[in-house]
Amino acid sequence: MKTEYNIKDQVWIHLGERKLIEGRVVDIINLEHLNEGHSKNRELYIIEIETGIDDIYEVRTFDQISSTARGPINIFKNIEDFTKNNRYLKKVGMVTPLPIDSVLDILNDDVDPTTEEIHAALEKSQKDSTHSPLIIKETKPKRRNYPPRKKKV
C-alpha cells in the first residue's frame, strides 16, 4: 500500500458519487508552521480534477485518497479493524451505522445493472410520466337573444 503521494501522481477521490473520481496531486501542504497543534505527519494534498469547463481543486488528506480507480479509499483499506477505522470515518463526517458485512458488500459491489433492469426502469419512468388527458366540460351554447316581439294594438 502506498503511504504517501508526490506531485503529479494520479489519484482517485470520493465526491459523493458511487465511483471514485480521477485527479492528480498538484501541491502538498504541511500546516506545521502555523504552530496550532497540527501533526507533523499530517499533509494535505491539493488534487486537481479536470472537467470540461473549469478545473476543480479539492483538498484531501492521505486517508481520503485512493491510489487505484477501483478503490477503496485509504480509510477502508483495513476494514477488518472496524473500530480503528470508525475513528477516521468520524473525522471526515461519515456515519456508518451499517454492520461490517453490509459495508463490505457495498464496497465490493461493482455490478452494473443488467439490460432487463435498465429496460424495466425505462418503462416505469415512461409509465409514470404519462398523464391522463384533461377532461374539460363542454360549454353550453349561448342563448340567442331574440329581439322582443312587438305588441299588437
N, C-alpha and C. Protein backbone atom coordinates (compact mmCIF):
# COMPACT_ATOMS: atom_id res chain seq x y z
N MET A 1 0.84 -1.18 0.00
CA MET A 1 0.00 0.00 0.00
C MET A 1 0.88 1.24 0.00
N LYS A 2 0.53 2.19 -0.83
CA LYS A 2 1.29 3.42 -0.94
C LYS A 2 1.04 4.27 0.32
N THR A 3 2.10 4.79 0.91
CA THR A 3 1.95 5.55 2.16
C THR A 3 2.00 7.05 1.96
N GLU A 4 2.47 7.53 0.83
CA GLU A 4 2.44 8.96 0.55
C GLU A 4 2.41 9.19 -0.95
N TYR A 5 1.99 10.38 -1.33
CA TYR A 5 1.88 10.72 -2.74
C TYR A 5 2.80 11.88 -3.06
N ASN A 6 3.21 11.95 -4.31
CA ASN A 6 4.07 13.03 -4.78
C ASN A 6 3.29 13.90 -5.75
N ILE A 7 3.85 15.06 -6.06
CA ILE A 7 3.22 15.94 -7.03
C ILE A 7 3.20 15.23 -8.39
N LYS A 8 2.10 15.40 -9.11
CA LYS A 8 1.81 14.80 -10.42
C LYS A 8 1.41 13.33 -10.34
N ASP A 9 1.22 12.80 -9.13
CA ASP A 9 0.73 11.43 -9.00
C ASP A 9 -0.76 11.40 -9.35
N GLN A 10 -1.17 10.33 -10.01
CA GLN A 10 -2.56 10.14 -10.36
C GLN A 10 -3.26 9.47 -9.18
N VAL A 11 -4.36 10.07 -8.70
CA VAL A 11 -5.09 9.56 -7.54
C VAL A 11 -6.58 9.57 -7.84
N TRP A 12 -7.35 8.91 -7.00
CA TRP A 12 -8.81 8.88 -7.11
C TRP A 12 -9.39 9.29 -5.77
N ILE A 13 -10.42 10.14 -5.80
CA ILE A 13 -11.07 10.60 -4.58
C ILE A 13 -12.57 10.40 -4.68
N HIS A 14 -13.22 10.52 -3.56
CA HIS A 14 -14.66 10.34 -3.47
C HIS A 14 -15.32 11.71 -3.41
N LEU A 15 -16.28 11.96 -4.30
CA LEU A 15 -17.00 13.24 -4.31
C LEU A 15 -18.49 13.05 -4.09
N GLY A 16 -18.89 11.98 -3.44
CA GLY A 16 -20.29 11.76 -3.18
C GLY A 16 -20.97 10.83 -4.16
N GLU A 17 -20.30 10.46 -5.22
CA GLU A 17 -20.87 9.52 -6.17
C GLU A 17 -20.42 8.11 -5.81
N ARG A 18 -20.99 7.16 -6.49
CA ARG A 18 -20.67 5.77 -6.18
C ARG A 18 -19.26 5.39 -6.64
N LYS A 19 -18.83 5.96 -7.76
CA LYS A 19 -17.49 5.65 -8.28
C LYS A 19 -16.53 6.76 -7.90
N LEU A 20 -15.26 6.41 -7.83
CA LEU A 20 -14.24 7.39 -7.49
C LEU A 20 -13.92 8.27 -8.69
N ILE A 21 -13.51 9.49 -8.43
CA ILE A 21 -13.20 10.47 -9.47
C ILE A 21 -11.68 10.58 -9.60
N GLU A 22 -11.21 10.61 -10.84
CA GLU A 22 -9.77 10.68 -11.10
C GLU A 22 -9.27 12.12 -11.00
N GLY A 23 -8.09 12.27 -10.42
CA GLY A 23 -7.44 13.58 -10.33
C GLY A 23 -5.94 13.39 -10.23
N ARG A 24 -5.23 14.50 -10.06
CA ARG A 24 -3.79 14.39 -9.87
C ARG A 24 -3.36 15.38 -8.80
N VAL A 25 -2.33 15.02 -8.08
CA VAL A 25 -1.82 15.85 -6.99
C VAL A 25 -1.03 17.01 -7.61
N VAL A 26 -1.41 18.24 -7.24
CA VAL A 26 -0.70 19.41 -7.78
C VAL A 26 0.12 20.12 -6.72
N ASP A 27 -0.17 19.89 -5.43
CA ASP A 27 0.60 20.52 -4.37
C ASP A 27 0.40 19.75 -3.08
N ILE A 28 1.39 19.84 -2.21
CA ILE A 28 1.33 19.19 -0.90
C ILE A 28 1.57 20.27 0.15
N ILE A 29 0.68 20.35 1.13
CA ILE A 29 0.77 21.40 2.15
C ILE A 29 0.96 20.74 3.51
N ASN A 30 1.84 21.31 4.30
CA ASN A 30 2.03 20.89 5.68
C ASN A 30 1.75 22.10 6.55
N LEU A 31 0.85 21.98 7.50
CA LEU A 31 0.43 23.11 8.32
C LEU A 31 1.19 23.22 9.64
N GLU A 32 2.30 22.54 9.73
CA GLU A 32 3.09 22.55 10.98
C GLU A 32 3.60 23.95 11.31
N HIS A 33 3.91 24.77 10.31
CA HIS A 33 4.48 26.10 10.53
C HIS A 33 3.52 27.08 11.21
N LEU A 34 2.22 26.75 11.26
CA LEU A 34 1.25 27.64 11.88
C LEU A 34 1.28 27.59 13.41
N ASN A 35 1.95 26.58 13.97
CA ASN A 35 2.04 26.38 15.43
C ASN A 35 0.66 26.35 16.09
N GLU A 36 -0.25 25.64 15.47
CA GLU A 36 -1.61 25.50 16.01
C GLU A 36 -1.90 24.06 16.41
N GLY A 37 -0.86 23.27 16.61
CA GLY A 37 -1.04 21.90 17.05
C GLY A 37 -1.27 20.92 15.92
N HIS A 38 -0.95 21.29 14.70
CA HIS A 38 -1.10 20.36 13.58
C HIS A 38 -0.01 19.30 13.64
N SER A 39 -0.35 18.08 13.28
CA SER A 39 0.59 16.98 13.30
C SER A 39 1.67 17.16 12.24
N LYS A 40 2.90 16.75 12.57
CA LYS A 40 4.00 16.87 11.61
C LYS A 40 3.79 15.93 10.42
N ASN A 41 3.16 14.79 10.68
CA ASN A 41 2.99 13.79 9.63
C ASN A 41 1.72 14.01 8.81
N ARG A 42 0.92 14.98 9.18
CA ARG A 42 -0.37 15.20 8.52
C ARG A 42 -0.19 16.18 7.37
N GLU A 43 -0.15 15.66 6.16
CA GLU A 43 -0.01 16.50 4.97
C GLU A 43 -1.35 16.60 4.27
N LEU A 44 -1.59 17.75 3.68
CA LEU A 44 -2.79 17.97 2.89
C LEU A 44 -2.40 17.96 1.42
N TYR A 45 -3.14 17.21 0.63
CA TYR A 45 -2.86 17.10 -0.80
C TYR A 45 -3.91 17.91 -1.56
N ILE A 46 -3.45 18.78 -2.43
CA ILE A 46 -4.36 19.52 -3.31
C ILE A 46 -4.46 18.73 -4.60
N ILE A 47 -5.68 18.34 -4.93
CA ILE A 47 -5.93 17.47 -6.08
C ILE A 47 -6.70 18.24 -7.13
N GLU A 48 -6.22 18.16 -8.35
CA GLU A 48 -6.87 18.84 -9.48
C GLU A 48 -7.70 17.82 -10.24
N ILE A 49 -8.96 18.16 -10.43
CA ILE A 49 -9.87 17.32 -11.19
C ILE A 49 -10.23 18.08 -12.46
N GLU A 50 -9.91 17.51 -13.60
CA GLU A 50 -10.19 18.18 -14.87
C GLU A 50 -11.63 17.95 -15.27
N THR A 51 -12.30 19.05 -15.62
CA THR A 51 -13.67 18.98 -16.11
C THR A 51 -13.72 19.67 -17.46
N GLY A 52 -14.85 19.64 -18.09
CA GLY A 52 -14.99 20.25 -19.39
C GLY A 52 -15.01 21.77 -19.35
N ILE A 53 -15.35 22.36 -18.21
CA ILE A 53 -15.46 23.81 -18.12
C ILE A 53 -14.25 24.39 -17.40
N ASP A 54 -14.18 24.19 -16.10
CA ASP A 54 -13.05 24.66 -15.29
C ASP A 54 -12.55 23.49 -14.45
N ASP A 55 -11.28 23.54 -14.11
CA ASP A 55 -10.73 22.51 -13.24
C ASP A 55 -11.22 22.74 -11.81
N ILE A 56 -11.39 21.65 -11.09
CA ILE A 56 -11.82 21.71 -9.69
C ILE A 56 -10.64 21.30 -8.83
N TYR A 57 -10.42 22.02 -7.74
CA TYR A 57 -9.34 21.70 -6.83
C TYR A 57 -9.95 21.27 -5.50
N GLU A 58 -9.53 20.11 -5.03
CA GLU A 58 -10.01 19.55 -3.77
C GLU A 58 -8.83 19.36 -2.84
N VAL A 59 -9.05 19.56 -1.54
CA VAL A 59 -8.01 19.34 -0.55
C VAL A 59 -8.38 18.07 0.21
N ARG A 60 -7.45 17.13 0.25
CA ARG A 60 -7.70 15.85 0.91
C ARG A 60 -6.48 15.45 1.74
N THR A 61 -6.73 14.62 2.74
CA THR A 61 -5.64 14.00 3.49
C THR A 61 -5.35 12.64 2.88
N PHE A 62 -4.32 11.99 3.37
CA PHE A 62 -3.93 10.69 2.84
C PHE A 62 -5.07 9.67 2.98
N ASP A 63 -5.83 9.76 4.07
CA ASP A 63 -6.89 8.79 4.33
C ASP A 63 -8.06 8.91 3.35
N GLN A 64 -8.18 10.05 2.68
CA GLN A 64 -9.32 10.29 1.81
C GLN A 64 -8.97 10.11 0.33
N ILE A 65 -7.84 9.48 0.05
CA ILE A 65 -7.36 9.29 -1.32
C ILE A 65 -7.19 7.80 -1.58
N SER A 66 -7.39 7.40 -2.83
CA SER A 66 -7.12 6.03 -3.24
C SER A 66 -6.09 6.06 -4.37
N SER A 67 -5.22 5.08 -4.38
CA SER A 67 -4.22 5.01 -5.44
C SER A 67 -4.71 4.22 -6.64
N THR A 68 -5.87 3.58 -6.53
CA THR A 68 -6.43 2.80 -7.63
C THR A 68 -7.84 3.27 -7.95
N ALA A 69 -8.25 3.08 -9.16
CA ALA A 69 -9.58 3.52 -9.58
C ALA A 69 -10.68 2.67 -8.95
N ARG A 70 -10.39 1.45 -8.63
CA ARG A 70 -11.39 0.56 -8.02
C ARG A 70 -11.54 0.82 -6.54
N GLY A 71 -10.56 1.51 -5.94
CA GLY A 71 -10.64 1.86 -4.53
C GLY A 71 -10.36 0.69 -3.64
N PRO A 72 -10.73 0.70 -2.44
CA PRO A 72 -11.42 1.77 -1.73
C PRO A 72 -10.43 2.86 -1.30
N ILE A 73 -10.97 3.96 -0.76
CA ILE A 73 -10.08 5.00 -0.27
C ILE A 73 -9.33 4.44 0.94
N ASN A 74 -8.23 5.08 1.32
CA ASN A 74 -7.32 4.51 2.31
C ASN A 74 -7.96 4.29 3.68
N ILE A 75 -9.03 4.99 4.00
CA ILE A 75 -9.71 4.75 5.28
C ILE A 75 -10.20 3.31 5.35
N PHE A 76 -10.66 2.79 4.22
CA PHE A 76 -11.26 1.46 4.20
C PHE A 76 -10.28 0.34 3.90
N LYS A 77 -9.00 0.64 3.77
CA LYS A 77 -8.04 -0.42 3.41
C LYS A 77 -7.99 -1.52 4.45
N ASN A 78 -8.07 -1.18 5.72
CA ASN A 78 -8.04 -2.19 6.79
C ASN A 78 -9.43 -2.32 7.41
N ILE A 79 -10.38 -2.72 6.59
CA ILE A 79 -11.77 -2.76 7.04
C ILE A 79 -12.00 -3.81 8.13
N GLU A 80 -11.10 -4.79 8.29
CA GLU A 80 -11.29 -5.80 9.33
C GLU A 80 -11.27 -5.17 10.72
N ASP A 81 -10.44 -4.14 10.91
CA ASP A 81 -10.38 -3.46 12.20
C ASP A 81 -11.32 -2.27 12.14
N PHE A 82 -12.62 -2.54 12.25
CA PHE A 82 -13.64 -1.52 12.04
C PHE A 82 -13.61 -0.44 13.11
N THR A 83 -13.30 -0.80 14.33
CA THR A 83 -13.29 0.21 15.39
C THR A 83 -12.18 1.24 15.17
N LYS A 84 -11.04 0.79 14.65
CA LYS A 84 -9.94 1.72 14.35
C LYS A 84 -10.34 2.65 13.21
N ASN A 85 -10.96 2.10 12.19
CA ASN A 85 -11.35 2.91 11.05
C ASN A 85 -12.54 3.81 11.35
N ASN A 86 -13.36 3.44 12.31
CA ASN A 86 -14.51 4.26 12.66
C ASN A 86 -14.06 5.63 13.16
N ARG A 87 -12.91 5.71 13.80
CA ARG A 87 -12.36 6.98 14.27
C ARG A 87 -12.06 7.89 13.07
N TYR A 88 -11.47 7.32 12.02
CA TYR A 88 -11.19 8.11 10.82
C TYR A 88 -12.47 8.53 10.11
N LEU A 89 -13.45 7.65 10.10
CA LEU A 89 -14.71 7.99 9.46
C LEU A 89 -15.39 9.16 10.16
N LYS A 90 -15.33 9.21 11.47
CA LYS A 90 -15.93 10.32 12.19
C LYS A 90 -15.20 11.62 11.90
N LYS A 91 -13.88 11.55 11.65
CA LYS A 91 -13.12 12.76 11.32
C LYS A 91 -13.61 13.40 10.04
N VAL A 92 -13.92 12.58 9.04
CA VAL A 92 -14.36 13.12 7.75
C VAL A 92 -15.87 13.27 7.66
N GLY A 93 -16.58 12.98 8.76
CA GLY A 93 -18.02 13.20 8.78
C GLY A 93 -18.85 12.10 8.18
N MET A 94 -18.29 10.90 8.10
CA MET A 94 -19.05 9.77 7.54
C MET A 94 -19.59 8.92 8.68
N VAL A 95 -20.88 8.74 8.71
CA VAL A 95 -21.51 7.92 9.73
C VAL A 95 -21.77 6.56 9.12
N THR A 96 -21.38 5.51 9.82
CA THR A 96 -21.58 4.15 9.28
C THR A 96 -22.37 3.32 10.27
N PRO A 97 -23.70 3.41 10.22
CA PRO A 97 -24.50 2.59 11.11
C PRO A 97 -24.65 1.16 10.61
N LEU A 98 -24.13 0.88 9.42
CA LEU A 98 -24.28 -0.44 8.83
C LEU A 98 -23.32 -1.44 9.48
N PRO A 99 -23.71 -2.69 9.58
CA PRO A 99 -22.76 -3.70 10.07
C PRO A 99 -21.64 -3.92 9.05
N ILE A 100 -20.57 -4.53 9.49
CA ILE A 100 -19.37 -4.68 8.66
C ILE A 100 -19.66 -5.44 7.37
N ASP A 101 -20.47 -6.49 7.45
CA ASP A 101 -20.75 -7.29 6.25
C ASP A 101 -21.41 -6.46 5.15
N SER A 102 -22.37 -5.62 5.53
CA SER A 102 -23.05 -4.83 4.50
C SER A 102 -22.13 -3.74 3.95
N VAL A 103 -21.22 -3.21 4.77
CA VAL A 103 -20.24 -2.24 4.27
C VAL A 103 -19.32 -2.91 3.26
N LEU A 104 -18.87 -4.13 3.56
CA LEU A 104 -18.02 -4.86 2.62
C LEU A 104 -18.77 -5.15 1.32
N ASP A 105 -20.06 -5.48 1.42
CA ASP A 105 -20.85 -5.73 0.21
C ASP A 105 -20.95 -4.48 -0.64
N ILE A 106 -21.15 -3.33 0.00
CA ILE A 106 -21.25 -2.07 -0.75
C ILE A 106 -19.92 -1.75 -1.42
N LEU A 107 -18.83 -1.96 -0.71
CA LEU A 107 -17.52 -1.64 -1.27
C LEU A 107 -17.16 -2.56 -2.44
N ASN A 108 -17.57 -3.80 -2.37
CA ASN A 108 -17.24 -4.76 -3.42
C ASN A 108 -18.29 -4.81 -4.53
N ASP A 109 -19.32 -3.99 -4.43
CA ASP A 109 -20.42 -4.01 -5.39
C ASP A 109 -20.07 -3.14 -6.59
N ASP A 110 -19.51 -3.74 -7.62
CA ASP A 110 -19.20 -3.04 -8.86
C ASP A 110 -20.05 -3.58 -10.00
N VAL A 111 -21.17 -4.20 -9.66
CA VAL A 111 -22.01 -4.83 -10.67
C VAL A 111 -22.85 -3.76 -11.34
N ASP A 112 -22.77 -3.69 -12.67
CA ASP A 112 -23.59 -2.76 -13.42
C ASP A 112 -24.98 -3.37 -13.59
N PRO A 113 -26.00 -2.55 -13.79
CA PRO A 113 -27.34 -3.09 -13.97
C PRO A 113 -27.45 -3.88 -15.28
N THR A 114 -28.28 -4.90 -15.26
CA THR A 114 -28.47 -5.71 -16.45
C THR A 114 -29.37 -4.96 -17.43
N THR A 115 -29.41 -5.46 -18.66
CA THR A 115 -30.24 -4.80 -19.67
C THR A 115 -31.72 -4.89 -19.32
N GLU A 116 -32.13 -6.00 -18.68
CA GLU A 116 -33.53 -6.14 -18.28
C GLU A 116 -33.89 -5.10 -17.23
N GLU A 117 -32.98 -4.86 -16.28
CA GLU A 117 -33.23 -3.86 -15.24
C GLU A 117 -33.30 -2.46 -15.85
N ILE A 118 -32.47 -2.20 -16.84
CA ILE A 118 -32.48 -0.89 -17.50
C ILE A 118 -33.80 -0.69 -18.24
N HIS A 119 -34.23 -1.72 -19.00
CA HIS A 119 -35.48 -1.62 -19.74
C HIS A 119 -36.68 -1.48 -18.80
N ALA A 120 -36.66 -2.21 -17.69
CA ALA A 120 -37.75 -2.11 -16.73
C ALA A 120 -37.81 -0.71 -16.13
N ALA A 121 -36.66 -0.13 -15.83
CA ALA A 121 -36.63 1.23 -15.28
C ALA A 121 -37.12 2.25 -16.30
N LEU A 122 -36.74 2.07 -17.58
CA LEU A 122 -37.21 2.98 -18.62
C LEU A 122 -38.72 2.89 -18.79
N GLU A 123 -39.26 1.67 -18.81
CA GLU A 123 -40.70 1.50 -18.94
C GLU A 123 -41.44 2.13 -17.77
N LYS A 124 -40.91 1.94 -16.57
CA LYS A 124 -41.54 2.52 -15.39
C LYS A 124 -41.53 4.03 -15.44
N SER A 125 -40.41 4.62 -15.88
CA SER A 125 -40.35 6.08 -15.95
C SER A 125 -41.28 6.61 -17.03
N GLN A 126 -41.40 5.90 -18.16
CA GLN A 126 -42.33 6.33 -19.19
C GLN A 126 -43.78 6.23 -18.71
N LYS A 127 -44.07 5.16 -17.98
CA LYS A 127 -45.42 4.98 -17.46
C LYS A 127 -45.75 6.07 -16.45
N ASP A 128 -44.78 6.41 -15.61
CA ASP A 128 -45.01 7.44 -14.61
C ASP A 128 -45.10 8.84 -15.21
N SER A 129 -44.51 9.03 -16.38
CA SER A 129 -44.51 10.36 -16.98
C SER A 129 -45.75 10.64 -17.82
N THR A 130 -46.53 9.61 -18.17
CA THR A 130 -47.75 9.85 -18.95
C THR A 130 -48.89 10.20 -18.00
N HIS A 131 -49.70 11.14 -18.44
CA HIS A 131 -50.83 11.59 -17.63
C HIS A 131 -52.12 11.33 -18.39
N SER A 132 -53.18 11.18 -17.66
CA SER A 132 -54.46 11.02 -18.33
C SER A 132 -54.86 12.37 -18.92
N PRO A 133 -55.60 12.33 -20.01
CA PRO A 133 -55.97 13.60 -20.65
C PRO A 133 -56.90 14.40 -19.74
N LEU A 134 -56.80 15.71 -19.87
CA LEU A 134 -57.67 16.58 -19.10
C LEU A 134 -59.08 16.50 -19.67
N ILE A 135 -60.05 16.38 -18.81
CA ILE A 135 -61.45 16.34 -19.26
C ILE A 135 -62.03 17.71 -18.98
N ILE A 136 -62.27 18.42 -20.03
CA ILE A 136 -62.80 19.77 -19.91
C ILE A 136 -64.30 19.71 -20.20
N LYS A 137 -65.08 20.35 -19.35
CA LYS A 137 -66.52 20.36 -19.55
C LYS A 137 -66.84 21.11 -20.83
N GLU A 138 -67.79 20.55 -21.54
CA GLU A 138 -68.22 21.23 -22.75
C GLU A 138 -69.04 22.44 -22.36
N THR A 139 -68.77 23.54 -23.00
CA THR A 139 -69.53 24.75 -22.69
C THR A 139 -70.89 24.68 -23.37
N LYS A 140 -71.89 25.12 -22.67
CA LYS A 140 -73.23 25.15 -23.24
C LYS A 140 -73.29 26.28 -24.24
N PRO A 141 -74.01 26.06 -25.30
CA PRO A 141 -74.12 27.16 -26.28
C PRO A 141 -74.87 28.34 -25.67
N LYS A 142 -74.45 29.51 -26.07
CA LYS A 142 -75.10 30.71 -25.55
C LYS A 142 -76.53 30.79 -26.06
N ARG A 143 -77.36 31.36 -25.23
CA ARG A 143 -78.74 31.58 -25.65
C ARG A 143 -78.77 32.72 -26.64
N ARG A 144 -79.54 32.48 -27.65
CA ARG A 144 -79.68 33.55 -28.64
C ARG A 144 -80.62 34.61 -28.10
N ASN A 145 -80.22 35.80 -28.29
CA ASN A 145 -81.10 36.90 -27.87
C ASN A 145 -81.97 37.33 -29.05
N TYR A 146 -83.20 36.98 -28.94
CA TYR A 146 -84.14 37.37 -29.98
C TYR A 146 -84.66 38.77 -29.65
N PRO A 147 -84.92 39.54 -30.69
CA PRO A 147 -85.49 40.87 -30.40
C PRO A 147 -86.90 40.71 -29.80
N PRO A 148 -87.25 41.59 -28.91
CA PRO A 148 -88.58 41.44 -28.28
C PRO A 148 -89.70 41.59 -29.33
N ARG A 149 -90.77 40.88 -29.09
CA ARG A 149 -91.92 40.92 -30.01
C ARG A 149 -92.66 42.26 -29.86
N LYS A 150 -93.13 42.64 -30.94
CA LYS A 150 -93.91 43.88 -30.93
C LYS A 150 -95.33 43.55 -30.45
N LYS A 151 -95.85 44.42 -29.66
CA LYS A 151 -97.20 44.19 -29.16
C LYS A 151 -98.23 44.68 -30.20
N LYS A 152 -99.32 43.97 -30.29
CA LYS A 152 -100.37 44.35 -31.21
C LYS A 152 -101.27 45.37 -30.52
N VAL A 153 -101.64 46.33 -31.26
CA VAL A 153 -102.52 47.36 -30.71
C VAL A 153 -103.88 47.27 -31.30
